[in-house]
Full PDB file with SEQRES, HELIX, SHEET, SSBOND, CRYST1, ORIGX, SCALE, CONECT and MASTER records, all heavy atoms in Angstrom:
SEQRES   1 A   41  LYS VAL SER VAL ASP THR PRO TRP GLU ASP LEU PRO PRO          
SEQRES   2 A   41  ARG VAL ARG ARG ALA PHE LEU ASP GLY MET GLY ASP GLN          
SEQRES   3 A   41  ASN GLU PHE ARG SER THR ASN GLN SER SER MET GLY ALA          
SEQRES   4 A   41  VAL ALA                                                      
HELIX    1 AA1 TRP A    8  ASP A   10  5                                   3    
HELIX    2 AA2 PRO A   13  ASP A   21  1                                   9    
HELIX    3 AA3 GLN A   34  MET A   37  1                                   4    
CRYST1    1.000    1.000    1.000  90.00  90.00  90.00 P 1           1          
ORIGX1      1.000000  0.000000  0.000000        0.00000                         
ORIGX2      0.000000  1.000000  0.000000        0.00000                         
ORIGX3      0.000000  0.000000  1.000000        0.00000                         
SCALE1      1.000000  0.000000  0.000000        0.00000                         
SCALE2      0.000000  1.000000  0.000000        0.00000                         
SCALE3      0.000000  0.000000  1.000000        0.00000                         
ATOM      1  N   LYS A   1      -1.063-230.275 124.051  1.00  0.00           N  
ATOM      2  CA  LYS A   1      -0.882-231.717 123.794  1.00  0.00           C  
ATOM      3  C   LYS A   1       0.519-232.002 123.306  1.00  0.00           C  
ATOM      4  O   LYS A   1       0.802-232.774 122.394  1.00  0.00           O  
ATOM      5  CB  LYS A   1      -1.872-232.256 122.770  1.00  0.00           C  
ATOM      6  CG  LYS A   1      -3.311-232.148 123.231  1.00  0.00           C  
ATOM      7  CD  LYS A   1      -4.237-232.757 122.250  1.00  0.00           C  
ATOM      8  CE  LYS A   1      -5.718-232.842 122.800  1.00  0.00           C  
ATOM      9  NZ  LYS A   1      -6.353-231.897 122.930  1.00  0.00           N  
ATOM     10  N   VAL A   2       1.512-231.351 123.981  1.00  0.00           N  
ATOM     11  CA  VAL A   2       2.940-231.673 123.657  1.00  0.00           C  
ATOM     12  C   VAL A   2       3.617-232.003 125.003  1.00  0.00           C  
ATOM     13  O   VAL A   2       3.137-231.753 126.152  1.00  0.00           O  
ATOM     14  CB  VAL A   2       3.704-230.417 123.017  1.00  0.00           C  
ATOM     15  CG1 VAL A   2       3.101-230.111 121.688  1.00  0.00           C  
ATOM     16  CG2 VAL A   2       3.621-229.266 123.948  1.00  0.00           C  
ATOM     17  N   SER A   3       4.782-232.725 124.924  1.00  0.00           N  
ATOM     18  CA  SER A   3       5.504-233.143 126.098  1.00  0.00           C  
ATOM     19  C   SER A   3       6.431-232.078 126.591  1.00  0.00           C  
ATOM     20  O   SER A   3       7.017-231.368 125.782  1.00  0.00           O  
ATOM     21  CB  SER A   3       6.237-234.382 125.773  1.00  0.00           C  
ATOM     22  OG  SER A   3       7.071-234.770 126.879  1.00  0.00           O  
ATOM     23  N   VAL A   4       6.574-231.928 127.902  1.00  0.00           N  
ATOM     24  CA  VAL A   4       7.557-231.011 128.501  1.00  0.00           C  
ATOM     25  C   VAL A   4       8.941-231.389 128.222  1.00  0.00           C  
ATOM     26  O   VAL A   4       9.908-230.701 128.442  1.00  0.00           O  
ATOM     27  CB  VAL A   4       7.277-230.804 129.933  1.00  0.00           C  
ATOM     28  CG1 VAL A   4       5.983-230.121 130.218  1.00  0.00           C  
ATOM     29  CG2 VAL A   4       7.394-232.161 130.668  1.00  0.00           C  
ATOM     30  N   ASP A   5       9.192-232.704 127.783  1.00  0.00           N  
ATOM     31  CA  ASP A   5      10.501-233.211 127.551  1.00  0.00           C  
ATOM     32  C   ASP A   5      10.915-233.014 126.090  1.00  0.00           C  
ATOM     33  O   ASP A   5      12.051-233.403 125.676  1.00  0.00           O  
ATOM     34  CB  ASP A   5      10.609-234.747 127.857  1.00  0.00           C  
ATOM     35  CG  ASP A   5      10.322-234.946 129.359  1.00  0.00           C  
ATOM     36  OD1 ASP A   5      10.869-234.186 130.229  1.00  0.00           O  
ATOM     37  OD2 ASP A   5       9.598-235.954 129.728  1.00  0.00           O  
ATOM     38  N   THR A   6      10.053-232.398 125.272  1.00  0.00           N  
ATOM     39  CA  THR A   6      10.333-232.153 123.828  1.00  0.00           C  
ATOM     40  C   THR A   6      11.280-230.953 123.749  1.00  0.00           C  
ATOM     41  O   THR A   6      11.090-229.993 124.383  1.00  0.00           O  
ATOM     42  CB  THR A   6       9.121-231.885 123.072  1.00  0.00           C  
ATOM     43  OG1 THR A   6       8.206-232.981 123.193  1.00  0.00           O  
ATOM     44  CG2 THR A   6       9.406-231.615 121.505  1.00  0.00           C  
ATOM     45  N   PRO A   7      12.436-231.172 123.025  1.00  0.00           N  
ATOM     46  CA  PRO A   7      13.357-230.017 122.869  1.00  0.00           C  
ATOM     47  C   PRO A   7      12.683-228.801 122.325  1.00  0.00           C  
ATOM     48  O   PRO A   7      11.741-228.919 121.539  1.00  0.00           O  
ATOM     49  CB  PRO A   7      14.435-230.582 121.894  1.00  0.00           C  
ATOM     50  CG  PRO A   7      14.370-232.010 122.078  1.00  0.00           C  
ATOM     51  CD  PRO A   7      12.957-232.415 122.320  1.00  0.00           C  
ATOM     52  N   TRP A   8      13.151-227.658 122.725  1.00  0.00           N  
ATOM     53  CA  TRP A   8      12.520-226.364 122.277  1.00  0.00           C  
ATOM     54  C   TRP A   8      12.550-226.233 120.771  1.00  0.00           C  
ATOM     55  O   TRP A   8      11.522-225.816 120.219  1.00  0.00           O  
ATOM     56  CB  TRP A   8      13.261-225.175 122.901  1.00  0.00           C  
ATOM     57  CG  TRP A   8      12.832-223.866 122.464  1.00  0.00           C  
ATOM     58  CD1 TRP A   8      13.298-223.123 121.453  1.00  0.00           C  
ATOM     59  CD2 TRP A   8      11.702-223.159 122.997  1.00  0.00           C  
ATOM     60  NE1 TRP A   8      12.613-221.931 121.288  1.00  0.00           N  
ATOM     61  CE2 TRP A   8      11.611-221.876 122.246  1.00  0.00           C  
ATOM     62  CE3 TRP A   8      10.762-223.439 123.971  1.00  0.00           C  
ATOM     63  CZ2 TRP A   8      10.656-220.997 122.497  1.00  0.00           C  
ATOM     64  CZ3 TRP A   8       9.829-222.372 124.250  1.00  0.00           C  
ATOM     65  CH2 TRP A   8       9.739-221.263 123.515  1.00  0.00           C  
ATOM     66  N   GLU A   9      13.599-226.684 120.142  1.00  0.00           N  
ATOM     67  CA  GLU A   9      13.695-226.527 118.696  1.00  0.00           C  
ATOM     68  C   GLU A   9      12.672-227.472 117.978  1.00  0.00           C  
ATOM     69  O   GLU A   9      12.433-227.242 116.781  1.00  0.00           O  
ATOM     70  CB  GLU A   9      15.107-226.747 118.223  1.00  0.00           C  
ATOM     71  CG  GLU A   9      15.641-228.084 118.573  1.00  0.00           C  
ATOM     72  CD  GLU A   9      17.066-228.319 118.334  1.00  0.00           C  
ATOM     73  OE1 GLU A   9      17.734-227.329 117.824  1.00  0.00           O  
ATOM     74  OE2 GLU A   9      17.695-229.437 118.571  1.00  0.00           O  
ATOM     75  N   ASP A  10      12.259-228.508 118.610  1.00  0.00           N  
ATOM     76  CA  ASP A  10      11.350-229.438 117.953  1.00  0.00           C  
ATOM     77  C   ASP A  10       9.870-229.068 118.358  1.00  0.00           C  
ATOM     78  O   ASP A  10       8.898-229.807 117.779  1.00  0.00           O  
ATOM     79  CB  ASP A  10      11.584-230.889 118.494  1.00  0.00           C  
ATOM     80  CG  ASP A  10      13.043-231.364 118.018  1.00  0.00           C  
ATOM     81  OD1 ASP A  10      13.451-230.837 116.908  1.00  0.00           O  
ATOM     82  OD2 ASP A  10      13.604-232.206 118.638  1.00  0.00           O  
ATOM     83  N   LEU A  11       9.645-228.081 119.175  1.00  0.00           N  
ATOM     84  CA  LEU A  11       8.189-227.748 119.511  1.00  0.00           C  
ATOM     85  C   LEU A  11       7.566-227.077 118.281  1.00  0.00           C  
ATOM     86  O   LEU A  11       8.258-226.326 117.513  1.00  0.00           O  
ATOM     87  CB  LEU A  11       8.165-226.805 120.692  1.00  0.00           C  
ATOM     88  CG  LEU A  11       8.513-227.391 122.046  1.00  0.00           C  
ATOM     89  CD1 LEU A  11       8.576-226.329 123.097  1.00  0.00           C  
ATOM     90  CD2 LEU A  11       7.459-228.423 122.450  1.00  0.00           C  
ATOM     91  N   PRO A  12       6.257-227.279 118.055  1.00  0.00           N  
ATOM     92  CA  PRO A  12       5.545-226.610 116.974  1.00  0.00           C  
ATOM     93  C   PRO A  12       5.670-225.068 117.116  1.00  0.00           C  
ATOM     94  O   PRO A  12       5.766-224.602 118.222  1.00  0.00           O  
ATOM     95  CB  PRO A  12       4.154-227.056 117.101  1.00  0.00           C  
ATOM     96  CG  PRO A  12       4.195-228.358 117.870  1.00  0.00           C  
ATOM     97  CD  PRO A  12       5.407-228.231 118.787  1.00  0.00           C  
ATOM     98  N   PRO A  13       5.673-224.345 116.034  1.00  0.00           N  
ATOM     99  CA  PRO A  13       5.792-222.879 116.172  1.00  0.00           C  
ATOM    100  C   PRO A  13       4.698-222.254 116.967  1.00  0.00           C  
ATOM    101  O   PRO A  13       4.998-221.285 117.745  1.00  0.00           O  
ATOM    102  CB  PRO A  13       5.687-222.416 114.646  1.00  0.00           C  
ATOM    103  CG  PRO A  13       6.243-223.648 113.909  1.00  0.00           C  
ATOM    104  CD  PRO A  13       5.719-224.780 114.636  1.00  0.00           C  
ATOM    105  N   ARG A  14       3.529-222.749 116.902  1.00  0.00           N  
ATOM    106  CA  ARG A  14       2.409-222.149 117.707  1.00  0.00           C  
ATOM    107  C   ARG A  14       2.663-222.300 119.224  1.00  0.00           C  
ATOM    108  O   ARG A  14       2.233-221.443 120.016  1.00  0.00           O  
ATOM    109  CB  ARG A  14       1.069-222.771 117.288  1.00  0.00           C  
ATOM    110  CG  ARG A  14       0.930-224.222 117.598  1.00  0.00           C  
ATOM    111  CD  ARG A  14      -0.376-224.810 116.917  1.00  0.00           C  
ATOM    112  NE  ARG A  14      -0.607-226.237 117.409  1.00  0.00           N  
ATOM    113  CZ  ARG A  14      -1.393-226.541 118.365  1.00  0.00           C  
ATOM    114  NH1 ARG A  14      -2.068-225.610 119.059  1.00  0.00           N  
ATOM    115  NH2 ARG A  14      -1.593-227.786 118.655  1.00  0.00           N  
ATOM    116  N   VAL A  15       3.329-223.437 119.656  1.00  0.00           N  
ATOM    117  CA  VAL A  15       3.581-223.583 121.052  1.00  0.00           C  
ATOM    118  C   VAL A  15       4.695-222.659 121.475  1.00  0.00           C  
ATOM    119  O   VAL A  15       4.558-222.058 122.524  1.00  0.00           O  
ATOM    120  CB  VAL A  15       4.019-225.091 121.312  1.00  0.00           C  
ATOM    121  CG1 VAL A  15       4.288-225.263 122.795  1.00  0.00           C  
ATOM    122  CG2 VAL A  15       2.949-226.024 120.839  1.00  0.00           C  
ATOM    123  N   ARG A  16       5.726-222.458 120.676  1.00  0.00           N  
ATOM    124  CA  ARG A  16       6.719-221.492 121.027  1.00  0.00           C  
ATOM    125  C   ARG A  16       6.249-220.128 121.027  1.00  0.00           C  
ATOM    126  O   ARG A  16       6.568-219.313 121.934  1.00  0.00           O  
ATOM    127  CB  ARG A  16       7.919-221.599 120.030  1.00  0.00           C  
ATOM    128  CG  ARG A  16       8.724-222.886 120.224  1.00  0.00           C  
ATOM    129  CD  ARG A  16       9.911-222.931 119.256  1.00  0.00           C  
ATOM    130  NE  ARG A  16       9.447-223.267 117.915  1.00  0.00           N  
ATOM    131  CZ  ARG A  16      10.210-223.411 116.856  1.00  0.00           C  
ATOM    132  NH1 ARG A  16      11.501-223.308 117.026  1.00  0.00           N  
ATOM    133  NH2 ARG A  16       9.800-223.577 115.647  1.00  0.00           N  
ATOM    134  N   ARG A  17       5.268-219.731 120.185  1.00  0.00           N  
ATOM    135  CA  ARG A  17       4.689-218.432 120.146  1.00  0.00           C  
ATOM    136  C   ARG A  17       3.853-218.208 121.464  1.00  0.00           C  
ATOM    137  O   ARG A  17       3.837-217.083 121.989  1.00  0.00           O  
ATOM    138  CB  ARG A  17       3.852-218.182 118.926  1.00  0.00           C  
ATOM    139  CG  ARG A  17       4.668-217.924 117.673  1.00  0.00           C  
ATOM    140  CD  ARG A  17       3.753-217.374 116.501  1.00  0.00           C  
ATOM    141  NE  ARG A  17       2.607-218.205 116.271  1.00  0.00           N  
ATOM    142  CZ  ARG A  17       2.696-219.114 115.343  1.00  0.00           C  
ATOM    143  NH1 ARG A  17       3.750-219.302 114.637  1.00  0.00           N  
ATOM    144  NH2 ARG A  17       1.590-219.890 115.116  1.00  0.00           N  
ATOM    145  N   ALA A  18       3.175-219.295 121.918  1.00  0.00           N  
ATOM    146  CA  ALA A  18       2.428-219.145 123.101  1.00  0.00           C  
ATOM    147  C   ALA A  18       3.260-218.855 124.360  1.00  0.00           C  
ATOM    148  O   ALA A  18       2.875-218.100 125.176  1.00  0.00           O  
ATOM    149  CB  ALA A  18       1.583-220.525 123.330  1.00  0.00           C  
ATOM    150  N   PHE A  19       4.424-219.493 124.415  1.00  0.00           N  
ATOM    151  CA  PHE A  19       5.348-219.186 125.522  1.00  0.00           C  
ATOM    152  C   PHE A  19       5.977-217.790 125.470  1.00  0.00           C  
ATOM    153  O   PHE A  19       6.122-217.215 126.454  1.00  0.00           O  
ATOM    154  CB  PHE A  19       6.427-220.272 125.508  1.00  0.00           C  
ATOM    155  CG  PHE A  19       6.099-221.488 126.236  1.00  0.00           C  
ATOM    156  CD1 PHE A  19       5.705-222.649 125.505  1.00  0.00           C  
ATOM    157  CD2 PHE A  19       6.121-221.587 127.615  1.00  0.00           C  
ATOM    158  CE1 PHE A  19       5.374-223.806 126.235  1.00  0.00           C  
ATOM    159  CE2 PHE A  19       5.804-222.729 128.283  1.00  0.00           C  
ATOM    160  CZ  PHE A  19       5.432-223.866 127.603  1.00  0.00           C  
ATOM    161  N   LEU A  20       6.251-217.275 124.252  1.00  0.00           N  
ATOM    162  CA  LEU A  20       6.913-216.087 124.183  1.00  0.00           C  
ATOM    163  C   LEU A  20       5.941-214.892 123.968  1.00  0.00           C  
ATOM    164  O   LEU A  20       6.242-213.780 124.462  1.00  0.00           O  
ATOM    165  CB  LEU A  20       7.857-216.099 122.941  1.00  0.00           C  
ATOM    166  CG  LEU A  20       9.025-217.091 122.975  1.00  0.00           C  
ATOM    167  CD1 LEU A  20       9.851-217.069 121.773  1.00  0.00           C  
ATOM    168  CD2 LEU A  20       9.860-216.876 124.190  1.00  0.00           C  
ATOM    169  N   ASP A  21       4.839-215.061 123.299  1.00  0.00           N  
ATOM    170  CA  ASP A  21       4.014-213.973 122.897  1.00  0.00           C  
ATOM    171  C   ASP A  21       2.586-214.064 123.431  1.00  0.00           C  
ATOM    172  O   ASP A  21       1.773-213.199 123.211  1.00  0.00           O  
ATOM    173  CB  ASP A  21       3.943-213.775 121.357  1.00  0.00           C  
ATOM    174  CG  ASP A  21       5.316-213.606 120.782  1.00  0.00           C  
ATOM    175  OD1 ASP A  21       6.125-212.893 121.424  1.00  0.00           O  
ATOM    176  OD2 ASP A  21       5.541-214.021 119.627  1.00  0.00           O  
ATOM    177  N   GLY A  22       2.217-215.090 124.211  1.00  0.00           N  
ATOM    178  CA  GLY A  22       0.833-215.307 124.600  1.00  0.00           C  
ATOM    179  C   GLY A  22       0.042-216.124 123.542  1.00  0.00           C  
ATOM    180  O   GLY A  22       0.615-216.768 122.645  1.00  0.00           O  
ATOM    181  N   MET A  23      -1.274-216.089 123.702  1.00  0.00           N  
ATOM    182  CA  MET A  23      -2.146-216.936 122.925  1.00  0.00           C  
ATOM    183  C   MET A  23      -2.481-216.374 121.532  1.00  0.00           C  
ATOM    184  O   MET A  23      -3.269-216.951 120.830  1.00  0.00           O  
ATOM    185  CB  MET A  23      -3.395-217.305 123.722  1.00  0.00           C  
ATOM    186  CG  MET A  23      -3.143-218.068 124.934  1.00  0.00           C  
ATOM    187  SD  MET A  23      -2.228-219.653 124.676  1.00  0.00           S  
ATOM    188  CE  MET A  23      -3.463-220.543 123.717  1.00  0.00           C  
ATOM    189  N   GLY A  24      -2.042-215.170 121.211  1.00  0.00           N  
ATOM    190  CA  GLY A  24      -2.240-214.613 119.920  1.00  0.00           C  
ATOM    191  C   GLY A  24      -3.757-214.236 119.790  1.00  0.00           C  
ATOM    192  O   GLY A  24      -4.401-213.721 120.651  1.00  0.00           O  
ATOM    193  N   ASP A  25      -4.353-214.622 118.612  1.00  0.00           N  
ATOM    194  CA  ASP A  25      -5.695-214.309 118.304  1.00  0.00           C  
ATOM    195  C   ASP A  25      -6.612-215.405 118.784  1.00  0.00           C  
ATOM    196  O   ASP A  25      -7.806-215.450 118.441  1.00  0.00           O  
ATOM    197  CB  ASP A  25      -5.927-214.096 116.893  1.00  0.00           C  
ATOM    198  CG  ASP A  25      -5.440-215.298 116.000  1.00  0.00           C  
ATOM    199  OD1 ASP A  25      -4.885-216.230 116.569  1.00  0.00           O  
ATOM    200  OD2 ASP A  25      -5.561-215.201 114.790  1.00  0.00           O  
ATOM    201  N   GLN A  26      -6.146-216.395 119.607  1.00  0.00           N  
ATOM    202  CA  GLN A  26      -7.043-217.438 120.179  1.00  0.00           C  
ATOM    203  C   GLN A  26      -7.744-216.852 121.319  1.00  0.00           C  
ATOM    204  O   GLN A  26      -7.090-216.513 122.347  1.00  0.00           O  
ATOM    205  CB  GLN A  26      -6.223-218.625 120.585  1.00  0.00           C  
ATOM    206  CG  GLN A  26      -7.070-219.811 121.080  1.00  0.00           C  
ATOM    207  CD  GLN A  26      -6.242-221.060 121.338  1.00  0.00           C  
ATOM    208  OE1 GLN A  26      -5.141-221.138 120.769  1.00  0.00           O  
ATOM    209  NE2 GLN A  26      -6.727-221.962 122.076  1.00  0.00           N  
ATOM    210  N   ASN A  27      -8.991-216.626 121.214  1.00  0.00           N  
ATOM    211  CA  ASN A  27      -9.677-215.789 122.209  1.00  0.00           C  
ATOM    212  C   ASN A  27      -9.923-216.588 123.529  1.00  0.00           C  
ATOM    213  O   ASN A  27     -10.031-215.904 124.600  1.00  0.00           O  
ATOM    214  CB  ASN A  27     -11.052-215.324 121.641  1.00  0.00           C  
ATOM    215  CG  ASN A  27     -10.839-214.340 120.547  1.00  0.00           C  
ATOM    216  OD1 ASN A  27      -9.905-213.517 120.597  1.00  0.00           O  
ATOM    217  ND2 ASN A  27     -11.735-214.340 119.587  1.00  0.00           N  
ATOM    218  N   GLU A  28     -10.068-217.821 123.568  1.00  0.00           N  
ATOM    219  CA  GLU A  28     -10.308-218.569 124.794  1.00  0.00           C  
ATOM    220  C   GLU A  28      -9.884-220.005 124.671  1.00  0.00           C  
ATOM    221  O   GLU A  28      -9.847-220.567 123.568  1.00  0.00           O  
ATOM    222  CB  GLU A  28     -11.788-218.428 125.190  1.00  0.00           C  
ATOM    223  CG  GLU A  28     -12.763-219.035 124.248  1.00  0.00           C  
ATOM    224  CD  GLU A  28     -14.191-218.886 124.630  1.00  0.00           C  
ATOM    225  OE1 GLU A  28     -14.458-217.905 125.363  1.00  0.00           O  
ATOM    226  OE2 GLU A  28     -14.988-219.697 124.306  1.00  0.00           O  
ATOM    227  N   PHE A  29      -9.614-220.602 125.761  1.00  0.00           N  
ATOM    228  CA  PHE A  29      -9.391-222.031 125.875  1.00  0.00           C  
ATOM    229  C   PHE A  29      -9.762-222.445 127.280  1.00  0.00           C  
ATOM    230  O   PHE A  29      -9.718-221.771 128.211  1.00  0.00           O  
ATOM    231  CB  PHE A  29      -7.956-222.438 125.523  1.00  0.00           C  
ATOM    232  CG  PHE A  29      -6.920-221.875 126.463  1.00  0.00           C  
ATOM    233  CD1 PHE A  29      -6.600-222.536 127.595  1.00  0.00           C  
ATOM    234  CD2 PHE A  29      -6.361-220.673 126.267  1.00  0.00           C  
ATOM    235  CE1 PHE A  29      -5.643-222.091 128.519  1.00  0.00           C  
ATOM    236  CE2 PHE A  29      -5.452-220.162 127.123  1.00  0.00           C  
ATOM    237  CZ  PHE A  29      -5.082-220.845 128.295  1.00  0.00           C  
ATOM    238  N   ARG A  30     -10.089-223.806 127.400  1.00  0.00           N  
ATOM    239  CA  ARG A  30     -10.474-224.305 128.678  1.00  0.00           C  
ATOM    240  C   ARG A  30      -9.407-225.366 129.161  1.00  0.00           C  
ATOM    241  O   ARG A  30      -8.706-225.926 128.386  1.00  0.00           O  
ATOM    242  CB  ARG A  30     -11.795-225.055 128.590  1.00  0.00           C  
ATOM    243  CG  ARG A  30     -12.986-224.120 128.247  1.00  0.00           C  
ATOM    244  CD  ARG A  30     -14.261-224.922 128.182  1.00  0.00           C  
ATOM    245  NE  ARG A  30     -15.397-224.057 127.774  1.00  0.00           N  
ATOM    246  CZ  ARG A  30     -16.057-223.390 128.629  1.00  0.00           C  
ATOM    247  NH1 ARG A  30     -15.800-223.451 129.970  1.00  0.00           N  
ATOM    248  NH2 ARG A  30     -17.115-222.541 128.261  1.00  0.00           N  
ATOM    249  N   SER A  31      -9.210-225.378 130.449  1.00  0.00           N  
ATOM    250  CA  SER A  31      -8.284-226.364 130.987  1.00  0.00           C  
ATOM    251  C   SER A  31      -8.855-227.758 130.759  1.00  0.00           C  
ATOM    252  O   SER A  31     -10.024-228.007 130.547  1.00  0.00           O  
ATOM    253  CB  SER A  31      -8.053-226.033 132.435  1.00  0.00           C  
ATOM    254  OG  SER A  31      -9.346-226.337 133.172  1.00  0.00           O  
ATOM    255  N   THR A  32      -7.947-228.748 130.917  1.00  0.00           N  
ATOM    256  CA  THR A  32      -8.343-230.139 130.656  1.00  0.00           C  
ATOM    257  C   THR A  32      -9.128-230.639 131.846  1.00  0.00           C  
ATOM    258  O   THR A  32      -9.927-231.613 131.598  1.00  0.00           O  
ATOM    259  CB  THR A  32      -7.054-230.969 130.492  1.00  0.00           C  
ATOM    260  OG1 THR A  32      -6.217-230.745 131.634  1.00  0.00           O  
ATOM    261  CG2 THR A  32      -6.311-230.600 129.217  1.00  0.00           C  
ATOM    262  N   ASN A  33      -9.081-230.011 132.975  1.00  0.00           N  
ATOM    263  CA  ASN A  33      -9.864-230.475 134.109  1.00  0.00           C  
ATOM    264  C   ASN A  33     -10.907-229.411 134.398  1.00  0.00           C  
ATOM    265  O   ASN A  33     -10.831-228.633 135.322  1.00  0.00           O  
ATOM    266  CB  ASN A  33      -8.989-230.674 135.259  1.00  0.00           C  
ATOM    267  CG  ASN A  33      -9.703-231.276 136.495  1.00  0.00           C  
ATOM    268  OD1 ASN A  33     -10.889-231.589 136.452  1.00  0.00           O  
ATOM    269  ND2 ASN A  33      -8.865-231.505 137.580  1.00  0.00           N  
ATOM    270  N   GLN A  34     -11.905-229.274 133.602  1.00  0.00           N  
ATOM    271  CA  GLN A  34     -12.891-228.244 133.655  1.00  0.00           C  
ATOM    272  C   GLN A  34     -13.851-228.506 134.915  1.00  0.00           C  
ATOM    273  O   GLN A  34     -14.397-227.536 135.439  1.00  0.00           O  
ATOM    274  CB  GLN A  34     -13.770-228.109 132.433  1.00  0.00           C  
ATOM    275  CG  GLN A  34     -12.979-227.700 131.205  1.00  0.00           C  
ATOM    276  CD  GLN A  34     -13.838-227.537 129.984  1.00  0.00           C  
ATOM    277  OE1 GLN A  34     -15.024-227.525 130.123  1.00  0.00           O  
ATOM    278  NE2 GLN A  34     -13.185-227.484 128.851  1.00  0.00           N  
ATOM    279  N   SER A  35     -14.017-229.755 135.289  1.00  0.00           N  
ATOM    280  CA  SER A  35     -14.889-230.046 136.381  1.00  0.00           C  
ATOM    281  C   SER A  35     -14.404-229.374 137.708  1.00  0.00           C  
ATOM    282  O   SER A  35     -15.142-228.922 138.487  1.00  0.00           O  
ATOM    283  CB  SER A  35     -15.013-231.450 136.524  1.00  0.00           C  
ATOM    284  OG  SER A  35     -13.767-232.113 136.833  1.00  0.00           O  
ATOM    285  N   SER A  36     -13.054-229.380 137.872  1.00  0.00           N  
ATOM    286  CA  SER A  36     -12.510-228.787 139.059  1.00  0.00           C  
ATOM    287  C   SER A  36     -12.140-227.291 138.978  1.00  0.00           C  
ATOM    288  O   SER A  36     -12.199-226.592 139.915  1.00  0.00           O  
ATOM    289  CB  SER A  36     -11.236-229.579 139.549  1.00  0.00           C  
ATOM    290  OG  SER A  36     -10.210-229.471 138.473  1.00  0.00           O  
ATOM    291  N   MET A  37     -11.793-226.877 137.777  1.00  0.00           N  
ATOM    292  CA  MET A  37     -11.374-225.494 137.607  1.00  0.00           C  
ATOM    293  C   MET A  37     -12.422-224.527 137.051  1.00  0.00           C  
ATOM    294  O   MET A  37     -12.379-223.386 137.320  1.00  0.00           O  
ATOM    295  CB  MET A  37     -10.124-225.444 136.654  1.00  0.00           C  
ATOM    296  CG  MET A  37      -8.965-226.292 137.097  1.00  0.00           C  
ATOM    297  SD  MET A  37      -8.466-225.813 138.722  1.00  0.00           S  
ATOM    298  CE  MET A  37      -7.970-224.144 138.487  1.00  0.00           C  
ATOM    299  N   GLY A  38     -13.310-225.115 136.273  1.00  0.00           N  
ATOM    300  CA  GLY A  38     -14.464-224.329 135.807  1.00  0.00           C  
ATOM    301  C   GLY A  38     -14.172-223.308 134.688  1.00  0.00           C  
ATOM    302  O   GLY A  38     -14.056-223.702 133.558  1.00  0.00           O  
ATOM    303  N   ALA A  39     -14.085-222.090 134.999  1.00  0.00           N  
ATOM    304  CA  ALA A  39     -14.162-220.946 134.096  1.00  0.00           C  
ATOM    305  C   ALA A  39     -13.160-221.028 132.976  1.00  0.00           C  
ATOM    306  O   ALA A  39     -12.217-221.823 132.948  1.00  0.00           O  
ATOM    307  CB  ALA A  39     -14.104-219.659 134.846  1.00  0.00           C  
ATOM    308  N   VAL A  40     -13.402-220.054 132.028  1.00  0.00           N  
ATOM    309  CA  VAL A  40     -12.520-219.925 130.894  1.00  0.00           C  
ATOM    310  C   VAL A  40     -11.518-218.846 131.090  1.00  0.00           C  
ATOM    311  O   VAL A  40     -11.842-217.786 131.584  1.00  0.00           O  
ATOM    312  CB  VAL A  40     -13.351-219.524 129.616  1.00  0.00           C  
ATOM    313  CG1 VAL A  40     -12.511-219.276 128.406  1.00  0.00           C  
ATOM    314  CG2 VAL A  40     -14.409-220.684 129.366  1.00  0.00           C  
ATOM    315  N   ALA A  41     -10.228-219.113 130.757  1.00  0.00           N  
ATOM    316  CA  ALA A  41      -9.181-218.093 130.787  1.00  0.00           C  
ATOM    317  C   ALA A  41      -9.098-217.487 129.455  1.00  0.00           C  
ATOM    318  O   ALA A  41      -8.981-218.174 128.485  1.00  0.00           O  
ATOM    319  CB  ALA A  41      -7.832-218.732 131.184  1.00  0.00           C  
TER     320      ALA A  41                                                      
MASTER        0    0    0    3    0    0    0    6  319    1    0    4          
END                                                                             
């Protein structure tokens, strides 16, 4: 829930960690369009 136009330095730390290191200890998340995509990554 962040904008792609937000400067990198203004992104929350958890978002920057997701880009650089993956999702960390967050075991699962669903896409916003679950009806079309279905499963859990």
